[in-house]
Amino acid sequence: MADVKPRIKLDKKEVAQGGVIEVKTLVSHTMESGQRKDKDGKTIPRKILNTFTCDLNGKTLFSANLESAVSANPYFQFKIRPEESGTLTFTWTDDDGSKIQATEQIKVA
């Protein structure tokens, strides 16, 4: 999944202490439930993203557990109130343990 590039949009990259940043993320992924069959009638193996996290300097600010009912190409929109400047790390983890990651820098003034 190394060729997958998530889309991240922050409404601002600099915020005053106590301010809020709105985050929007979208990642390309088929989210195969394991319940469908291919053209030969064989079950297509389950392959879903099962967790999503947004960390700031290693501290989790937002997380979600995903299930097979989540649509392909999952989109998240949420707000964070960062306490310090640093690196936001976005991580999507698949059933097989593989990860899709993206980072953004933010500044708290």
PDB file of N, CA and C in Angstrom:
ATOM      1  N   MET A   1       0.810  -1.197   0.000  1.00  0.00           N
ATOM      2  CA  MET A   1       0.000   0.000   0.000  1.00  0.00           C
ATOM      3  C   MET A   1       0.852   1.258   0.000  1.00  0.00           C
ATOM      4  N   ALA A   2       2.131   1.117  -0.254  1.00  0.00           N
ATOM      5  CA  ALA A   2       3.022   2.259  -0.218  1.00  0.00           C
ATOM      6  C   ALA A   2       2.685   3.293  -1.292  1.00  0.00           C
ATOM      7  N   ASP A   3       2.018   2.868  -2.390  1.00  0.00           N
ATOM      8  CA  ASP A   3       1.701   3.799  -3.458  1.00  0.00           C
ATOM      9  C   ASP A   3       0.440   4.622  -3.190  1.00  0.00           C
ATOM     10  N   VAL A   4      -0.249   4.358  -2.106  1.00  0.00           N
ATOM     11  CA  VAL A   4      -1.465   5.086  -1.752  1.00  0.00           C
ATOM     12  C   VAL A   4      -1.072   6.401  -1.077  1.00  0.00           C
ATOM     13  N   LYS A   5      -1.559   7.518  -1.612  1.00  0.00           N
ATOM     14  CA  LYS A   5      -1.266   8.818  -1.018  1.00  0.00           C
ATOM     15  C   LYS A   5      -2.566   9.418  -0.490  1.00  0.00           C
ATOM     16  N   PRO A   6      -2.698   9.467   0.831  1.00  0.00           N
ATOM     17  CA  PRO A   6      -3.917  10.052   1.406  1.00  0.00           C
ATOM     18  C   PRO A   6      -3.991  11.544   1.133  1.00  0.00           C
ATOM     19  N   ARG A   7      -5.207  12.056   1.118  1.00  0.00           N
ATOM     20  CA  ARG A   7      -5.413  13.499   0.994  1.00  0.00           C
ATOM     21  C   ARG A   7      -5.747  14.043   2.383  1.00  0.00           C
ATOM     22  N   ILE A   8      -5.006  15.058   2.782  1.00  0.00           N
ATOM     23  CA  ILE A   8      -5.197  15.699   4.078  1.00  0.00           C
ATOM     24  C   ILE A   8      -5.435  17.181   3.826  1.00  0.00           C
ATOM     25  N   LYS A   9      -6.455  17.739   4.473  1.00  0.00           N
ATOM     26  CA  LYS A   9      -6.701  19.177   4.369  1.00  0.00           C
ATOM     27  C   LYS A   9      -6.943  19.726   5.770  1.00  0.00           C
ATOM     28  N   LEU A  10      -6.121  20.702   6.151  1.00  0.00           N
ATOM     29  CA  LEU A  10      -6.298  21.408   7.411  1.00  0.00           C
ATOM     30  C   LEU A  10      -6.828  22.792   7.078  1.00  0.00           C
ATOM     31  N   ASP A  11      -7.832  23.277   7.825  1.00  0.00           N
ATOM     32  CA  ASP A  11      -8.348  24.609   7.513  1.00  0.00           C
ATOM     33  C   ASP A  11      -7.337  25.701   7.856  1.00  0.00           C
ATOM     34  N   LYS A  12      -6.350  25.368   8.709  1.00  0.00           N
ATOM     35  CA  LYS A  12      -5.232  26.272   8.994  1.00  0.00           C
ATOM     36  C   LYS A  12      -4.086  25.453   9.547  1.00  0.00           C
ATOM     37  N   LYS A  13      -2.872  25.926   9.305  1.00  0.00           N
ATOM     38  CA  LYS A  13      -1.688  25.220   9.807  1.00  0.00           C
ATOM     39  C   LYS A  13      -1.063  25.953  10.979  1.00  0.00           C
ATOM     40  N   GLU A  14      -1.618  27.095  11.312  1.00  0.00           N
ATOM     41  CA  GLU A  14      -1.162  27.847  12.479  1.00  0.00           C
ATOM     42  C   GLU A  14      -2.390  28.282  13.268  1.00  0.00           C
ATOM     43  N   VAL A  15      -2.343  28.077  14.581  1.00  0.00           N
ATOM     44  CA  VAL A  15      -3.490  28.366  15.427  1.00  0.00           C
ATOM     45  C   VAL A  15      -2.992  28.959  16.745  1.00  0.00           C
ATOM     46  N   ALA A  16      -3.789  29.833  17.335  1.00  0.00           N
ATOM     47  CA  ALA A  16      -3.456  30.392  18.650  1.00  0.00           C
ATOM     48  C   ALA A  16      -3.656  29.321  19.716  1.00  0.00           C
ATOM     49  N   GLN A  17      -2.961  29.474  20.853  1.00  0.00           N
ATOM     50  CA  GLN A  17      -3.127  28.544  21.977  1.00  0.00           C
ATOM     51  C   GLN A  17      -4.617  28.440  22.313  1.00  0.00           C
ATOM     52  N   GLY A  18      -5.140  27.220  22.403  1.00  0.00           N
ATOM     53  CA  GLY A  18      -6.559  26.996  22.694  1.00  0.00           C
ATOM     54  C   GLY A  18      -7.442  27.016  21.458  1.00  0.00           C
ATOM     55  N   GLY A  19      -6.858  27.276  20.282  1.00  0.00           N
ATOM     56  CA  GLY A  19      -7.626  27.319  19.040  1.00  0.00           C
ATOM     57  C   GLY A  19      -7.926  25.934  18.494  1.00  0.00           C
ATOM     58  N   VAL A  20      -8.780  25.909  17.502  1.00  0.00           N
ATOM     59  CA  VAL A  20      -9.255  24.657  16.913  1.00  0.00           C
ATOM     60  C   VAL A  20      -8.866  24.597  15.440  1.00  0.00           C
ATOM     61  N   ILE A  21      -8.459  23.423  15.004  1.00  0.00           N
ATOM     62  CA  ILE A  21      -8.153  23.165  13.598  1.00  0.00           C
ATOM     63  C   ILE A  21      -9.126  22.103  13.093  1.00  0.00           C
ATOM     64  N   GLU A  22      -9.739  22.368  11.943  1.00  0.00           N
ATOM     65  CA  GLU A  22     -10.602  21.361  11.315  1.00  0.00           C
ATOM     66  C   GLU A  22      -9.753  20.525  10.360  1.00  0.00           C
ATOM     67  N   VAL A  23      -9.908  19.210  10.457  1.00  0.00           N
ATOM     68  CA  VAL A  23      -9.133  18.260   9.666  1.00  0.00           C
ATOM     69  C   VAL A  23     -10.081  17.467   8.764  1.00  0.00           C
ATOM     70  N   LYS A  24      -9.676  17.305   7.501  1.00  0.00           N
ATOM     71  CA  LYS A  24     -10.417  16.457   6.564  1.00  0.00           C
ATOM     72  C   LYS A  24      -9.418  15.486   5.948  1.00  0.00           C
ATOM     73  N   THR A  25      -9.765  14.203   5.925  1.00  0.00           N
ATOM     74  CA  THR A  25      -8.878  13.191   5.343  1.00  0.00           C
ATOM     75  C   THR A  25      -9.667  12.284   4.403  1.00  0.00           C
ATOM     76  N   LEU A  26      -8.990  11.823   3.375  1.00  0.00           N
ATOM     77  CA  LEU A  26      -9.558  10.865   2.435  1.00  0.00           C
ATOM     78  C   LEU A  26      -8.430   9.954   1.979  1.00  0.00           C
ATOM     79  N   VAL A  27      -8.667   8.647   2.012  1.00  0.00           N
ATOM     80  CA  VAL A  27      -7.658   7.700   1.560  1.00  0.00           C
ATOM     81  C   VAL A  27      -8.307   6.699   0.602  1.00  0.00           C
ATOM     82  N   SER A  28      -7.574   6.336  -0.446  1.00  0.00           N
ATOM     83  CA  SER A  28      -8.071   5.354  -1.413  1.00  0.00           C
ATOM     84  C   SER A  28      -7.857   3.947  -0.866  1.00  0.00           C
ATOM     85  N   HIS A  29      -8.944   3.205  -0.756  1.00  0.00           N
ATOM     86  CA  HIS A  29      -8.864   1.821  -0.280  1.00  0.00           C
ATOM     87  C   HIS A  29     -10.169   1.128  -0.640  1.00  0.00           C
ATOM     88  N   THR A  30     -10.098  -0.124  -1.114  1.00  0.00           N
ATOM     89  CA  THR A  30     -11.296  -0.834  -1.582  1.00  0.00           C
ATOM     90  C   THR A  30     -12.233  -1.270  -0.462  1.00  0.00           C
ATOM     91  N   MET A  31     -11.693  -1.482   0.753  1.00  0.00           N
ATOM     92  CA  MET A  31     -12.504  -1.913   1.891  1.00  0.00           C
ATOM     93  C   MET A  31     -13.350  -3.137   1.530  1.00  0.00           C
ATOM     94  N   GLU A  32     -12.691  -4.219   1.175  1.00  0.00           N
ATOM     95  CA  GLU A  32     -13.376  -5.458   0.801  1.00  0.00           C
ATOM     96  C   GLU A  32     -13.866  -6.180   2.052  1.00  0.00           C
ATOM     97  N   SER A  33     -15.166  -6.438   2.132  1.00  0.00           N
ATOM     98  CA  SER A  33     -15.794  -6.990   3.340  1.00  0.00           C
ATOM     99  C   SER A  33     -15.553  -8.481   3.564  1.00  0.00           C
ATOM    100  N   GLY A  34     -15.159  -9.210   2.519  1.00  0.00           N
ATOM    101  CA  GLY A  34     -14.990 -10.653   2.643  1.00  0.00           C
ATOM    102  C   GLY A  34     -16.286 -11.413   2.403  1.00  0.00           C
ATOM    103  N   GLN A  35     -17.329 -10.715   1.988  1.00  0.00           N
ATOM    104  CA  GLN A  35     -18.625 -11.354   1.756  1.00  0.00           C
ATOM    105  C   GLN A  35     -18.986 -11.456   0.274  1.00  0.00           C
ATOM    106  N   ARG A  36     -18.225 -10.781  -0.569  1.00  0.00           N
ATOM    107  CA  ARG A  36     -18.523 -10.825  -2.006  1.00  0.00           C
ATOM    108  C   ARG A  36     -17.758 -11.957  -2.671  1.00  0.00           C
ATOM    109  N   LYS A  37     -18.207 -12.337  -3.862  1.00  0.00           N
ATOM    110  CA  LYS A  37     -17.551 -13.388  -4.633  1.00  0.00           C
ATOM    111  C   LYS A  37     -17.039 -12.805  -5.946  1.00  0.00           C
ATOM    112  N   ASP A  38     -15.944 -13.389  -6.449  1.00  0.00           N
ATOM    113  CA  ASP A  38     -15.409 -12.946  -7.726  1.00  0.00           C
ATOM    114  C   ASP A  38     -16.189 -13.611  -8.867  1.00  0.00           C
ATOM    115  N   LYS A  39     -15.767 -13.378 -10.104  1.00  0.00           N
ATOM    116  CA  LYS A  39     -16.491 -13.914 -11.272  1.00  0.00           C
ATOM    117  C   LYS A  39     -16.498 -15.434 -11.323  1.00  0.00           C
ATOM    118  N   ASP A  40     -15.546 -16.077 -10.615  1.00  0.00           N
ATOM    119  CA  ASP A  40     -15.486 -17.541 -10.573  1.00  0.00           C
ATOM    120  C   ASP A  40     -16.233 -18.119  -9.375  1.00  0.00           C
ATOM    121  N   GLY A  41     -16.884 -17.265  -8.587  1.00  0.00           N
ATOM    122  CA  GLY A  41     -17.645 -17.730  -7.433  1.00  0.00           C
ATOM    123  C   GLY A  41     -16.834 -17.908  -6.161  1.00  0.00           C
ATOM    124  N   LYS A  42     -15.564 -17.539  -6.198  1.00  0.00           N
ATOM    125  CA  LYS A  42     -14.721 -17.651  -5.013  1.00  0.00           C
ATOM    126  C   LYS A  42     -14.875 -16.398  -4.147  1.00  0.00           C
ATOM    127  N   THR A  43     -14.859 -16.608  -2.842  1.00  0.00           N
ATOM    128  CA  THR A  43     -14.989 -15.482  -1.921  1.00  0.00           C
ATOM    129  C   THR A  43     -13.748 -14.591  -2.015  1.00  0.00           C
ATOM    130  N   ILE A  44     -13.982 -13.285  -2.146  1.00  0.00           N
ATOM    131  CA  ILE A  44     -12.894 -12.311  -2.153  1.00  0.00           C
ATOM    132  C   ILE A  44     -12.483 -12.096  -0.700  1.00  0.00           C
ATOM    133  N   PRO A  45     -11.231 -12.285  -0.372  1.00  0.00           N
ATOM    134  CA  PRO A  45     -10.797 -12.166   1.032  1.00  0.00           C
ATOM    135  C   PRO A  45     -11.066 -10.770   1.612  1.00  0.00           C
ATOM    136  N   ARG A  46     -11.370 -10.773   2.893  1.00  0.00           N
ATOM    137  CA  ARG A  46     -11.596  -9.517   3.609  1.00  0.00           C
ATOM    138  C   ARG A  46     -10.297  -8.707   3.619  1.00  0.00           C
ATOM    139  N   LYS A  47     -10.408  -7.427   3.336  1.00  0.00           N
ATOM    140  CA  LYS A  47      -9.277  -6.500   3.397  1.00  0.00           C
ATOM    141  C   LYS A  47      -9.848  -5.119   3.675  1.00  0.00           C
ATOM    142  N   ILE A  48      -9.857  -4.763   4.956  1.00  0.00           N
ATOM    143  CA  ILE A  48     -10.379  -3.448   5.330  1.00  0.00           C
ATOM    144  C   ILE A  48      -9.357  -2.710   6.189  1.00  0.00           C
ATOM    145  N   LEU A  49      -9.496  -1.407   6.175  1.00  0.00           N
ATOM    146  CA  LEU A  49      -8.767  -0.594   7.140  1.00  0.00           C
ATOM    147  C   LEU A  49      -9.527  -0.760   8.440  1.00  0.00           C
ATOM    148  N   ASN A  50      -8.844  -1.116   9.515  1.00  0.00           N
ATOM    149  CA  ASN A  50      -9.589  -1.343  10.759  1.00  0.00           C
ATOM    150  C   ASN A  50      -9.332  -0.301  11.831  1.00  0.00           C
ATOM    151  N   THR A  51      -8.288   0.531  11.666  1.00  0.00           N
ATOM    152  CA  THR A  51      -8.112   1.641  12.601  1.00  0.00           C
ATOM    153  C   THR A  51      -7.602   2.870  11.864  1.00  0.00           C
ATOM    154  N   PHE A  52      -7.944   4.019  12.409  1.00  0.00           N
ATOM    155  CA  PHE A  52      -7.434   5.300  11.939  1.00  0.00           C
ATOM    156  C   PHE A  52      -7.054   6.104  13.169  1.00  0.00           C
ATOM    157  N   THR A  53      -5.877   6.730  13.145  1.00  0.00           N
ATOM    158  CA  THR A  53      -5.472   7.601  14.243  1.00  0.00           C
ATOM    159  C   THR A  53      -4.862   8.886  13.701  1.00  0.00           C
ATOM    160  N   CYS A  54      -5.020   9.932  14.484  1.00  0.00           N
ATOM    161  CA  CYS A  54      -4.363  11.208  14.233  1.00  0.00           C
ATOM    162  C   CYS A  54      -3.607  11.540  15.508  1.00  0.00           C
ATOM    163  N   ASP A  55      -2.271  11.575  15.403  1.00  0.00           N
ATOM    164  CA  ASP A  55      -1.412  11.845  16.560  1.00  0.00           C
ATOM    165  C   ASP A  55      -0.682  13.162  16.360  1.00  0.00           C
ATOM    166  N   LEU A  56      -0.417  13.850  17.459  1.00  0.00           N
ATOM    167  CA  LEU A  56       0.425  15.039  17.454  1.00  0.00           C
ATOM    168  C   LEU A  56       1.631  14.744  18.327  1.00  0.00           C
ATOM    169  N   ASN A  57       2.803  14.687  17.710  1.00  0.00           N
ATOM    170  CA  ASN A  57       4.047  14.389  18.432  1.00  0.00           C
ATOM    171  C   ASN A  57       3.926  13.115  19.270  1.00  0.00           C
ATOM    172  N   GLY A  58       3.251  12.105  18.712  1.00  0.00           N
ATOM    173  CA  GLY A  58       3.134  10.818  19.386  1.00  0.00           C
ATOM    174  C   GLY A  58       1.957  10.678  20.335  1.00  0.00           C
ATOM    175  N   LYS A  59       1.177  11.741  20.544  1.00  0.00           N
ATOM    176  CA  LYS A  59      -0.001  11.684  21.418  1.00  0.00           C
ATOM    177  C   LYS A  59      -1.262  11.645  20.555  1.00  0.00           C
ATOM    178  N   THR A  60      -2.123  10.660  20.798  1.00  0.00           N
ATOM    179  CA  THR A  60      -3.326  10.503  19.989  1.00  0.00           C
ATOM    180  C   THR A  60      -4.337  11.606  20.300  1.00  0.00           C
ATOM    181  N   LEU A  61      -4.775  12.297  19.218  1.00  0.00           N
ATOM    182  CA  LEU A  61      -5.800  13.333  19.340  1.00  0.00           C
ATOM    183  C   LEU A  61      -7.164  12.832  18.881  1.00  0.00           C
ATOM    184  N   PHE A  62      -7.162  11.889  17.935  1.00  0.00           N
ATOM    185  CA  PHE A  62      -8.405  11.351  17.377  1.00  0.00           C
ATOM    186  C   PHE A  62      -8.125   9.927  16.922  1.00  0.00           C
ATOM    187  N   SER A  63      -9.078   9.016  17.178  1.00  0.00           N
ATOM    188  CA  SER A  63      -8.942   7.651  16.668  1.00  0.00           C
ATOM    189  C   SER A  63     -10.317   7.084  16.364  1.00  0.00           C
ATOM    190  N   ALA A  64     -10.325   6.108  15.461  1.00  0.00           N
ATOM    191  CA  ALA A  64     -11.575   5.444  15.093  1.00  0.00           C
ATOM    192  C   ALA A  64     -11.289   3.985  14.791  1.00  0.00           C
ATOM    193  N   ASN A  65     -12.191   3.105  15.221  1.00  0.00           N
ATOM    194  CA  ASN A  65     -12.144   1.686  14.867  1.00  0.00           C
ATOM    195  C   ASN A  65     -13.141   1.484  13.737  1.00  0.00           C
ATOM    196  N   LEU A  66     -12.690   0.878  12.656  1.00  0.00           N
ATOM    197  CA  LEU A  66     -13.529   0.701  11.473  1.00  0.00           C
ATOM    198  C   LEU A  66     -13.966  -0.747  11.350  1.00  0.00           C
ATOM    199  N   GLU A  67     -15.111  -0.943  10.758  1.00  0.00           N
ATOM    200  CA  GLU A  67     -15.669  -2.279  10.535  1.00  0.00           C
ATOM    201  C   GLU A  67     -15.925  -2.473   9.046  1.00  0.00           C
ATOM    202  N   SER A  68     -16.333  -3.651   8.665  1.00  0.00           N
ATOM    203  CA  SER A  68     -16.521  -3.975   7.243  1.00  0.00           C
ATOM    204  C   SER A  68     -17.629  -3.161   6.581  1.00  0.00           C
ATOM    205  N   ALA A  69     -18.502  -2.531   7.344  1.00  0.00           N
ATOM    206  CA  ALA A  69     -19.582  -1.741   6.760  1.00  0.00           C
ATOM    207  C   ALA A  69     -19.133  -0.354   6.314  1.00  0.00           C
ATOM    208  N   VAL A  70     -17.897   0.036   6.623  1.00  0.00           N
ATOM    209  CA  VAL A  70     -17.384   1.337   6.201  1.00  0.00           C
ATOM    210  C   VAL A  70     -17.142   1.297   4.699  1.00  0.00           C
ATOM    211  N   SER A  71     -17.520   2.376   4.026  1.00  0.00           N
ATOM    212  CA  SER A  71     -17.409   2.409   2.572  1.00  0.00           C
ATOM    213  C   SER A  71     -15.960   2.436   2.101  1.00  0.00           C
ATOM    214  N   ALA A  72     -15.779   2.150   0.831  1.00  0.00           N
ATOM    215  CA  ALA A  72     -14.459   2.280   0.214  1.00  0.00           C
ATOM    216  C   ALA A  72     -14.035   3.742   0.292  1.00  0.00           C
ATOM    217  N   ASN A  73     -12.740   3.970   0.271  1.00  0.00           N
ATOM    218  CA  ASN A  73     -12.178   5.318   0.299  1.00  0.00           C
ATOM    219  C   ASN A  73     -12.703   6.134   1.484  1.00  0.00           C
ATOM    220  N   PRO A  74     -12.446   5.680   2.705  1.00  0.00           N
ATOM    221  CA  PRO A  74     -13.023   6.339   3.875  1.00  0.00           C
ATOM    222  C   PRO A  74     -12.583   7.798   4.032  1.00  0.00           C
ATOM    223  N   TYR A  75     -13.550   8.622   4.407  1.00  0.00           N
ATOM    224  CA  TYR A  75     -13.379  10.062   4.601  1.00  0.00           C
ATOM    225  C   TYR A  75     -13.673  10.378   6.061  1.00  0.00           C
ATOM    226  N   PHE A  76     -12.809  11.170   6.669  1.00  0.00           N
ATOM    227  CA  PHE A  76     -13.038  11.633   8.041  1.00  0.00           C
ATOM    228  C   PHE A  76     -12.950  13.145   8.079  1.00  0.00           C
ATOM    229  N   GLN A  77     -13.805  13.740   8.891  1.00  0.00           N
ATOM    230  CA  GLN A  77     -13.762  15.177   9.152  1.00  0.00           C
ATOM    231  C   GLN A  77     -13.935  15.348  10.653  1.00  0.00           C
ATOM    232  N   PHE A  78     -12.991  16.029  11.284  1.00  0.00           N
ATOM    233  CA  PHE A  78     -13.051  16.212  12.728  1.00  0.00           C
ATOM    234  C   PHE A  78     -12.268  17.466  13.109  1.00  0.00           C
ATOM    235  N   LYS A  79     -12.419  17.895  14.347  1.00  0.00           N
ATOM    236  CA  LYS A  79     -11.713  19.071  14.854  1.00  0.00           C
ATOM    237  C   LYS A  79     -10.786  18.652  15.980  1.00  0.00           C
ATOM    238  N   ILE A  80      -9.634  19.327  16.033  1.00  0.00           N
ATOM    239  CA  ILE A  80      -8.677  19.083  17.100  1.00  0.00           C
ATOM    240  C   ILE A  80      -8.308  20.410  17.761  1.00  0.00           C
ATOM    241  N   ARG A  81      -7.909  20.339  19.003  1.00  0.00           N
ATOM    242  CA  ARG A  81      -7.425  21.504  19.740  1.00  0.00           C
ATOM    243  C   ARG A  81      -5.993  21.184  20.190  1.00  0.00           C
ATOM    244  N   PRO A  82      -5.008  21.470  19.322  1.00  0.00           N
ATOM    245  CA  PRO A  82      -3.625  21.112  19.656  1.00  0.00           C
ATOM    246  C   PRO A  82      -3.074  21.983  20.782  1.00  0.00           C
ATOM    247  N   GLU A  83      -2.267  21.374  21.634  1.00  0.00           N
ATOM    248  CA  GLU A  83      -1.665  22.092  22.753  1.00  0.00           C
ATOM    249  C   GLU A  83      -0.242  22.535  22.453  1.00  0.00           C
ATOM    250  N   GLU A  84       0.349  22.010  21.364  1.00  0.00           N
ATOM    251  CA  GLU A  84       1.727  22.345  21.030  1.00  0.00           C
ATOM    252  C   GLU A  84       1.942  22.241  19.527  1.00  0.00           C
ATOM    253  N   SER A  85       2.986  22.898  19.060  1.00  0.00           N
ATOM    254  CA  SER A  85       3.387  22.794  17.661  1.00  0.00           C
ATOM    255  C   SER A  85       4.009  21.426  17.422  1.00  0.00           C
ATOM    256  N   GLY A  86       4.020  21.002  16.169  1.00  0.00           N
ATOM    257  CA  GLY A  86       4.670  19.735  15.868  1.00  0.00           C
ATOM    258  C   GLY A  86       4.128  19.067  14.629  1.00  0.00           C
ATOM    259  N   THR A  87       4.283  17.754  14.611  1.00  0.00           N
ATOM    260  CA  THR A  87       3.908  16.940  13.466  1.00  0.00           C
ATOM    261  C   THR A  87       2.632  16.165  13.755  1.00  0.00           C
ATOM    262  N   LEU A  88       1.632  16.378  12.908  1.00  0.00           N
ATOM    263  CA  LEU A  88       0.425  15.546  12.942  1.00  0.00           C
ATOM    264  C   LEU A  88       0.718  14.322  12.088  1.00  0.00           C
ATOM    265  N   THR A  89       0.510  13.146  12.638  1.00  0.00           N
ATOM    266  CA  THR A  89       0.707  11.902  11.901  1.00  0.00           C
ATOM    267  C   THR A  89      -0.634  11.196  11.779  1.00  0.00           C
ATOM    268  N   PHE A  90      -1.020  10.913  10.547  1.00  0.00           N
ATOM    269  CA  PHE A  90      -2.281  10.234  10.250  1.00  0.00           C
ATOM    270  C   PHE A  90      -1.948   8.816   9.834  1.00  0.00           C
ATOM    271  N   THR A  91      -2.565   7.823  10.496  1.00  0.00           N
ATOM    272  CA  THR A  91      -2.241   6.426  10.222  1.00  0.00           C
ATOM    273  C   THR A  91      -3.513   5.608  10.035  1.00  0.00           C
ATOM    274  N   TRP A  92      -3.585   4.910   8.912  1.00  0.00           N
ATOM    275  CA  TRP A  92      -4.648   3.958   8.618  1.00  0.00           C
ATOM    276  C   TRP A  92      -4.009   2.582   8.652  1.00  0.00           C
ATOM    277  N   THR A  93      -4.555   1.647   9.434  1.00  0.00           N
ATOM    278  CA  THR A  93      -3.984   0.299   9.541  1.00  0.00           C
ATOM    279  C   THR A  93      -4.949  -0.720   8.951  1.00  0.00           C
ATOM    280  N   ASP A  94      -4.422  -1.583   8.089  1.00  0.00           N
ATOM    281  CA  ASP A  94      -5.197  -2.605   7.388  1.00  0.00           C
ATOM    282  C   ASP A  94      -5.228  -3.903   8.196  1.00  0.00           C
ATOM    283  N   ASP A  95      -6.108  -4.828   7.807  1.00  0.00           N
ATOM    284  CA  ASP A  95      -6.217  -6.142   8.454  1.00  0.00           C
ATOM    285  C   ASP A  95      -4.877  -6.856   8.569  1.00  0.00           C
ATOM    286  N   ASP A  96      -4.063  -6.752   7.533  1.00  0.00           N
ATOM    287  CA  ASP A  96      -2.790  -7.480   7.529  1.00  0.00           C
ATOM    288  C   ASP A  96      -1.670  -6.746   8.271  1.00  0.00           C
ATOM    289  N   GLY A  97      -2.002  -5.630   8.898  1.00  0.00           N
ATOM    290  CA  GLY A  97      -1.010  -4.869   9.664  1.00  0.00           C
ATOM    291  C   GLY A  97      -0.297  -3.800   8.856  1.00  0.00           C
ATOM    292  N   SER A  98      -0.514  -3.780   7.550  1.00  0.00           N
ATOM    293  CA  SER A  98       0.129  -2.746   6.737  1.00  0.00           C
ATOM    294  C   SER A  98      -0.484  -1.386   7.061  1.00  0.00           C
ATOM    295  N   LYS A  99       0.310  -0.336   6.861  1.00  0.00           N
ATOM    296  CA  LYS A  99      -0.122   1.007   7.252  1.00  0.00           C
ATOM    297  C   LYS A  99       0.034   1.983   6.105  1.00  0.00           C
ATOM    298  N   ILE A 100      -0.887   2.931   6.079  1.00  0.00           N
ATOM    299  CA  ILE A 100      -0.811   4.081   5.193  1.00  0.00           C
ATOM    300  C   ILE A 100      -0.614   5.264   6.130  1.00  0.00           C
ATOM    301  N   GLN A 101       0.412   6.087   5.867  1.00  0.00           N
ATOM    302  CA  GLN A 101       0.666   7.218   6.749  1.00  0.00           C
ATOM    303  C   GLN A 101       0.872   8.501   5.955  1.00  0.00           C
ATOM    304  N   ALA A 102       0.524   9.608   6.603  1.00  0.00           N
ATOM    305  CA  ALA A 102       0.760  10.938   6.064  1.00  0.00           C
ATOM    306  C   ALA A 102       1.051  11.858   7.241  1.00  0.00           C
ATOM    307  N   THR A 103       1.789  12.929   6.980  1.00  0.00           N
ATOM    308  CA  THR A 103       2.095  13.877   8.045  1.00  0.00           C
ATOM    309  C   THR A 103       1.833  15.306   7.581  1.00  0.00           C
ATOM    310  N   GLU A 104       1.572  16.163   8.537  1.00  0.00           N
ATOM    311  CA  GLU A 104       1.408  17.599   8.316  1.00  0.00           C
ATOM    312  C   GLU A 104       2.025  18.322   9.504  1.00  0.00           C
ATOM    313  N   GLN A 105       2.656  19.448   9.244  1.00  0.00           N
ATOM    314  CA  GLN A 105       3.204  20.271  10.319  1.00  0.00           C
ATOM    315  C   GLN A 105       2.189  21.319  10.727  1.00  0.00           C
ATOM    316  N   ILE A 106       2.083  21.567  12.045  1.00  0.00           N
ATOM    317  CA  ILE A 106       1.223  22.640  12.530  1.00  0.00           C
ATOM    318  C   ILE A 106       2.005  23.474  13.535  1.00  0.00           C
ATOM    319  N   LYS A 107       1.542  24.710  13.715  1.00  0.00           N
ATOM    320  CA  LYS A 107       2.205  25.613  14.655  1.00  0.00           C
ATOM    321  C   LYS A 107       1.157  26.186  15.598  1.00  0.00           C
ATOM    322  N   VAL A 108       1.446  26.101  16.909  1.00  0.00           N
ATOM    323  CA  VAL A 108       0.595  26.702  17.915  1.00  0.00           C
ATOM    324  C   VAL A 108       1.338  27.908  18.464  1.00  0.00           C
ATOM    325  N   ALA A 109       0.743  29.077  18.302  1.00  0.00           N
ATOM    326  CA  ALA A 109       1.410  30.317  18.741  1.00  0.00           C
ATOM    327  C   ALA A 109       0.869  30.812  20.064  1.00  0.00           C
TER     328      ALA A 109
END
